Each structure stands twice: as C-alpha cells, then as structure tokens.
C-alpha atoms as a PDB file:
ATOM      1  CA  UNK A   1     -31.156  22.366-113.068  1.00  0.00           C
ATOM      2  CA  UNK A   2     -32.862  24.536-115.396  1.00  0.00           C
ATOM      3  CA  UNK A   3     -36.802  25.116-115.742  1.00  0.00           C
ATOM      4  CA  UNK A   4     -36.530  23.478-119.451  1.00  0.00           C
ATOM      5  CA  UNK A   5     -34.918  20.536-118.593  1.00  0.00           C
ATOM      6  CA  UNK A   6     -37.327  19.920-116.070  1.00  0.00           C
ATOM      7  CA  UNK A   7     -40.408  20.245-117.588  1.00  0.00           C
ATOM      8  CA  UNK A   8     -39.551  17.606-120.373  1.00  0.00           C
ATOM      9  CA  UNK A   9     -39.813  14.546-117.883  1.00  0.00           C
ATOM     10  CA  UNK A  10     -43.545  16.077-116.837  1.00  0.00           C
ATOM     11  CA  UNK A  11     -44.360  16.427-120.150  1.00  0.00           C
ATOM     12  CA  UNK A  12     -43.390  13.253-121.895  1.00  0.00           C
ATOM     13  CA  UNK A  13     -45.736  11.759-118.486  1.00  0.00           C
ATOM     14  CA  UNK A  14     -49.084  13.966-119.459  1.00  0.00           C
ATOM     15  CA  UNK A  15     -47.922  13.545-122.978  1.00  0.00           C
ATOM     16  CA  UNK A  16     -48.383   9.281-121.724  1.00  0.00           C
ATOM     17  CA  UNK A  17     -51.213  10.289-119.964  1.00  0.00           C
ATOM     18  CA  UNK A  18     -53.402  12.248-122.316  1.00  0.00           C
ATOM     19  CA  UNK A  19     -52.587  10.662-126.213  1.00  0.00           C
ATOM     20  CA  UNK A  20     -52.520   7.566-127.309  1.00  0.00           C
ATOM     21  CA  UNK A  21     -49.390   8.061-129.611  1.00  0.00           C
ATOM     22  CA  UNK A  22     -47.734   8.823-126.483  1.00  0.00           C
ATOM     23  CA  UNK A  23     -44.469   7.281-124.788  1.00  0.00           C
ATOM     24  CA  UNK A  24     -45.529   4.181-122.528  1.00  0.00           C
ATOM     25  CA  UNK A  25     -46.479   5.809-119.063  1.00  0.00           C
ATOM     26  CA  UNK A  26     -44.012   3.313-116.866  1.00  0.00           C
ATOM     27  CA  UNK A  27     -41.005   4.674-119.600  1.00  0.00           C
ATOM     28  CA  UNK A  28     -41.196   8.146-118.022  1.00  0.00           C
ATOM     29  CA  UNK A  29     -40.821   7.505-114.563  1.00  0.00           C
ATOM     30  CA  UNK A  30     -37.315   6.534-112.572  1.00  0.00           C
ATOM     31  CA  UNK A  31     -36.197   2.779-111.751  1.00  0.00           C
ATOM     32  CA  UNK A  32     -33.489   3.658-109.287  1.00  0.00           C
ATOM     33  CA  UNK A  33     -34.354   5.552-107.537  1.00  0.00           C
ATOM     34  CA  UNK A  34     -37.871   3.612-106.976  1.00  0.00           C
ATOM     35  CA  UNK A  35     -40.547   5.751-108.359  1.00  0.00           C
ATOM     36  CA  UNK A  36     -43.496   6.733-106.015  1.00  0.00           C
ATOM     37  CA  UNK A  37     -47.076   7.229-106.784  1.00  0.00           C
ATOM     38  CA  UNK A  38     -50.021   8.455-104.032  1.00  0.00           C
ATOM     39  CA  UNK A  39     -53.529   9.459-104.504  1.00  0.00           C
ATOM     40  CA  UNK A  40     -54.294  11.181-101.651  1.00  0.00           C
ATOM     41  CA  UNK A  41     -57.946  10.792 -99.891  1.00  0.00           C
ATOM     42  CA  UNK A  42     -59.582   7.676 -97.562  1.00  0.00           C
ATOM     43  CA  UNK A  43     -58.113   4.247 -98.762  1.00  0.00           C
ATOM     44  CA  UNK A  44     -61.747   3.276 -97.724  1.00  0.00           C
ATOM     45  CA  UNK A  45     -63.350   5.221-100.766  1.00  0.00           C
ATOM     46  CA  UNK A  46     -61.666   3.507-103.456  1.00  0.00           C
ATOM     47  CA  UNK A  47     -58.720   0.844-104.182  1.00  0.00           C
ATOM     48  CA  UNK A  48     -56.728   3.699-105.819  1.00  0.00           C
ATOM     49  CA  UNK A  49     -56.442   6.235-102.967  1.00  0.00           C
ATOM     50  CA  UNK A  50     -54.358   6.891 -99.764  1.00  0.00           C
ATOM     51  CA  UNK A  51     -51.920   4.285-100.446  1.00  0.00           C
ATOM     52  CA  UNK A  52     -48.828   4.670-102.052  1.00  0.00           C
ATOM     53  CA  UNK A  53     -47.336   2.946-104.682  1.00  0.00           C
ATOM     54  CA  UNK A  54     -43.358   2.522-105.357  1.00  0.00           C
ATOM     55  CA  UNK A  55     -41.362   1.104-107.314  1.00  0.00           C
ATOM     56  CA  UNK A  56     -42.399   0.306-111.399  1.00  0.00           C
ATOM     57  CA  UNK A  57     -44.265  -2.331-110.299  1.00  0.00           C
ATOM     58  CA  UNK A  58     -46.445  -0.440-107.470  1.00  0.00           C
ATOM     59  CA  UNK A  59     -46.944   2.672-110.075  1.00  0.00           C
ATOM     60  CA  UNK A  60     -47.454  -0.169-113.160  1.00  0.00           C
ATOM     61  CA  UNK A  61     -50.272  -1.304-110.117  1.00  0.00           C
ATOM     62  CA  UNK A  62     -51.966   2.318-109.539  1.00  0.00           C
ATOM     63  CA  UNK A  63     -52.402   2.561-113.094  1.00  0.00           C
ATOM     64  CA  UNK A  64     -54.008  -1.360-113.615  1.00  0.00           C
ATOM     65  CA  UNK A  65     -56.542   0.087-110.453  1.00  0.00           C
ATOM     66  CA  UNK A  66     -57.194   3.065-111.992  1.00  0.00           C
ATOM     67  CA  UNK A  67     -57.923   1.728-115.307  1.00  0.00           C
ATOM     68  CA  UNK A  68     -60.403  -1.009-113.806  1.00  0.00           C
ATOM     69  CA  UNK A  69     -62.027   1.399-111.990  1.00  0.00           C
ATOM     70  CA  UNK A  70     -62.100   4.726-114.464  1.00  0.00           C
ATOM     71  CA  UNK A  71     -62.559   6.002-117.837  1.00  0.00           C
ATOM     72  CA  UNK A  72     -60.689   9.025-118.592  1.00  0.00           C
ATOM     73  CA  UNK A  73     -61.931  11.667-121.112  1.00  0.00           C
ATOM     74  CA  UNK A  74     -60.856  15.201-122.245  1.00  0.00           C
ATOM     75  CA  UNK A  75     -57.791  15.319-119.867  1.00  0.00           C
ATOM     76  CA  UNK A  76     -56.331  18.661-120.597  1.00  0.00           C
ATOM     77  CA  UNK A  77     -53.656  20.199-117.913  1.00  0.00           C
ATOM     78  CA  UNK A  78     -52.604  24.143-117.654  1.00  0.00           C
ATOM     79  CA  UNK A  79     -50.222  25.709-120.402  1.00  0.00           C
ATOM     80  CA  UNK A  80     -46.335  25.633-119.200  1.00  0.00           C
ATOM     81  CA  UNK A  81     -46.396  28.920-118.145  1.00  0.00           C
ATOM     82  CA  UNK A  82     -48.373  28.345-115.579  1.00  0.00           C
ATOM     83  CA  UNK A  83     -46.412  25.118-113.467  1.00  0.00           C
ATOM     84  CA  UNK A  84     -45.041  25.992-110.612  1.00  0.00           C
ATOM     85  CA  UNK A  85     -41.405  24.844-110.595  1.00  0.00           C
ATOM     86  CA  UNK A  86     -39.199  24.648-107.810  1.00  0.00           C
ATOM     87  CA  UNK A  87     -35.619  24.691-109.525  1.00  0.00           C
ATOM     88  CA  UNK A  88     -34.197  23.806-105.718  1.00  0.00           C
ATOM     89  CA  UNK A  89     -36.134  20.263-105.208  1.00  0.00           C
ATOM     90  CA  UNK A  90     -36.594  19.774-109.033  1.00  0.00           C
ATOM     91  CA  UNK A  91     -40.227  19.768-108.423  1.00  0.00           C
ATOM     92  CA  UNK A  92     -43.138  20.696-110.524  1.00  0.00           C
ATOM     93  CA  UNK A  93     -47.147  21.266-109.465  1.00  0.00           C
ATOM     94  CA  UNK A  94     -49.613  21.732-112.345  1.00  0.00           C
ATOM     95  CA  UNK A  95     -53.701  21.356-112.370  1.00  0.00           C
ATOM     96  CA  UNK A  96     -55.107  19.194-115.187  1.00  0.00           C
ATOM     97  CA  UNK A  97     -59.032  19.050-115.494  1.00  0.00           C
ATOM     98  CA  UNK A  98     -60.834  15.477-116.966  1.00  0.00           C
ATOM     99  CA  UNK A  99     -64.235  13.617-117.408  1.00  0.00           C
ATOM    100  CA  UNK A 100     -64.240  10.665-115.195  1.00  0.00           C
ATOM    101  CA  UNK A 101     -66.405   7.617-115.189  1.00  0.00           C
ATOM    102  CA  UNK A 102     -66.522   5.038-112.638  1.00  0.00           C
ATOM    103  CA  UNK A 103     -66.968   1.991-114.819  1.00  0.00           C
ATOM    104  CA  UNK A 104     -69.442  -0.109-112.677  1.00  0.00           C
ATOM    105  CA  UNK A 105     -72.166   2.502-112.302  1.00  0.00           C
ATOM    106  CA  UNK A 106     -71.539   4.507-115.447  1.00  0.00           C
ATOM    107  CA  UNK A 107     -71.436   7.222-112.992  1.00  0.00           C
ATOM    108  CA  UNK A 108     -69.359  11.344-114.756  1.00  0.00           C
ATOM    109  CA  UNK A 109     -68.445  14.184-112.931  1.00  0.00           C
ATOM    110  CA  UNK A 110     -65.719  16.253-114.404  1.00  0.00           C
ATOM    111  CA  UNK A 111     -62.993  17.954-112.472  1.00  0.00           C
ATOM    112  CA  UNK A 112     -59.961  20.028-111.311  1.00  0.00           C
ATOM    113  CA  UNK A 113     -57.456  18.334-109.708  1.00  0.00           C
ATOM    114  CA  UNK A 114     -54.116  18.651-108.486  1.00  0.00           C
ATOM    115  CA  UNK A 115     -50.521  17.063-109.536  1.00  0.00           C
ATOM    116  CA  UNK A 116     -47.368  17.495-107.423  1.00  0.00           C
ATOM    117  CA  UNK A 117     -44.306  15.683-109.561  1.00  0.00           C
ATOM    118  CA  UNK A 118     -41.042  15.155-108.625  1.00  0.00           C
ATOM    119  CA  UNK A 119     -38.281  14.252-111.118  1.00  0.00           C
ATOM    120  CA  UNK A 120     -34.746  13.003-110.294  1.00  0.00           C
ATOM    121  CA  UNK A 121     -31.913  11.507-112.463  1.00  0.00           C
ATOM    122  CA  UNK A 122     -32.192   7.802-113.191  1.00  0.00           C
ATOM    123  CA  UNK A 123     -29.298   6.030-111.942  1.00  0.00           C
ATOM    124  CA  UNK A 124     -30.125   2.237-113.322  1.00  0.00           C
ATOM    125  CA  UNK A 125     -28.057   0.007-114.575  1.00  0.00           C
ATOM    126  CA  UNK A 126     -29.779   0.144-117.803  1.00  0.00           C
ATOM    127  CA  UNK A 127     -27.124   2.524-119.687  1.00  0.00           C
ATOM    128  CA  UNK A 128     -29.974   3.497-122.199  1.00  0.00           C
ATOM    129  CA  UNK A 129     -31.316   4.899-119.074  1.00  0.00           C
ATOM    130  CA  UNK A 130     -28.975   5.765-116.945  1.00  0.00           C
ATOM    131  CA  UNK A 131     -28.585   9.799-116.201  1.00  0.00           C
ATOM    132  CA  UNK A 132     -31.579  10.927-118.042  1.00  0.00           C
ATOM    133  CA  UNK A 133     -34.365  12.836-115.386  1.00  0.00           C
ATOM    134  CA  UNK A 134     -37.772  10.824-115.523  1.00  0.00           C
ATOM    135  CA  UNK A 135     -40.448  11.011-112.584  1.00  0.00           C
ATOM    136  CA  UNK A 136     -39.630   9.807-109.669  1.00  0.00           C
ATOM    137  CA  UNK A 137     -43.296  10.673-107.650  1.00  0.00           C
ATOM    138  CA  UNK A 138     -46.392  11.398-108.829  1.00  0.00           C
ATOM    139  CA  UNK A 139     -48.751  12.768-105.846  1.00  0.00           C
ATOM    140  CA  UNK A 140     -52.403  13.655-106.840  1.00  0.00           C
ATOM    141  CA  UNK A 141     -54.971  15.367-105.281  1.00  0.00           C
ATOM    142  CA  UNK A 142     -57.984  15.079-106.882  1.00  0.00           C
ATOM    143  CA  UNK A 143     -62.091  14.746-106.068  1.00  0.00           C
ATOM    144  CA  UNK A 144     -62.757  11.654-103.698  1.00  0.00           C
ATOM    145  CA  UNK A 145     -66.003  12.545-102.449  1.00  0.00           C
ATOM    146  CA  UNK A 146     -67.281  12.128-106.043  1.00  0.00           C
ATOM    147  CA  UNK A 147     -65.344   9.125-107.047  1.00  0.00           C
ATOM    148  CA  UNK A 148     -66.769   7.801-104.163  1.00  0.00           C
ATOM    149  CA  UNK A 149     -70.385   8.643-105.031  1.00  0.00           C
ATOM    150  CA  UNK A 150     -70.107   7.465-108.612  1.00  0.00           C
ATOM    151  CA  UNK A 151     -68.324   4.030-107.084  1.00  0.00           C
ATOM    152  CA  UNK A 152     -72.019   3.623-104.937  1.00  0.00           C
ATOM    153  CA  UNK A 153     -74.649   4.769-108.043  1.00  0.00           C
ATOM    154  CA  UNK A 154     -75.286   8.511-106.080  1.00  0.00           C
ATOM    155  CA  UNK A 155     -73.223  10.498-107.930  1.00  0.00           C
ATOM    156  CA  UNK A 156     -76.292  12.148-110.087  1.00  0.00           C
ATOM    157  CA  UNK A 157     -78.860  11.907-106.924  1.00  0.00           C
ATOM    158  CA  UNK A 158     -76.605  14.840-105.451  1.00  0.00           C
ATOM    159  CA  UNK A 159     -78.064  18.815-105.729  1.00  0.00           C
ATOM    160  CA  UNK A 160     -76.155  20.883-107.532  1.00  0.00           C
END
C-alpha cells in the first residue's frame, strides 16, 4: 500500500475535524470492519476517556460526547511529510494542536495531542463504500489532567 493511498483517508478525517466544509465525520470511517475510537486516559476523568467506542454508532457517540463537553478551536496538524507511516500495518501517527474549552466551566487550555490512525478497506454491503480506504481505528493521547482540572474549574489555579 503506498504512502499516498494511506494518507488520503487520514486527510479526509482531519478535514472533517477542522473544516466546516469538510466531509461528514462518520463518512470517513469504515462500516465493515467496525471502526474503533479510543481516547487513552482514566474513565473517571471524563466520560470520553478510557473507553472503546465501536462501530458507526460508537464513533457517533464518541464525537457527541466530545461536543457535549468540549469546545475545540484552532485545531492544526503537522504537515504530512512529518507523519510516521507504517505501510505494513496501514497506520499513521501524527500530532496536532488545539485550544480546548470545557464548556461547563469555560476553562481553556492549549495542548499538543497525538493520533494513531489505522485505515482499512471498507468491505460493507454499500457498493459505493465497498473497496474504498477509510479510517478503521482512531486512537488519541492527550492531556487528560488538563481536561479533568478544567472540568472542575481548577485549571486556572495551577502554577505556571
């Protein structure tokens, strides 16, 4: 599998995350195999952390939880030439930055986060999707401590 072919579905996902005119986020994920979203961290810190979200319904639930609790602005990603691409397992690792605001407390923080995104051929019954490369695994590592402190309204109390 070529680097270019692997990058295209990942770029579609990033466009859906960052551009108002981007594709619908669910359309960037496979239907079969069932996709997975997992944001690493303790589940006690936030309802979207430390849980695996499976299938289109799970992906939708994950992004619904994110939008319920967080406002995300100025999301940017490193250029494609810096992505780590493993062609043998069809996965890409990359970093991004954004400003996050916990909606209930209005506490904000800027952070760098890491993604590992795996792609697969969608083998669904839908002939339009069948055979196209899509995201099948979306893993995130982020600053769970900042999210937790922001949820409590204590983020501003931390020394710099």
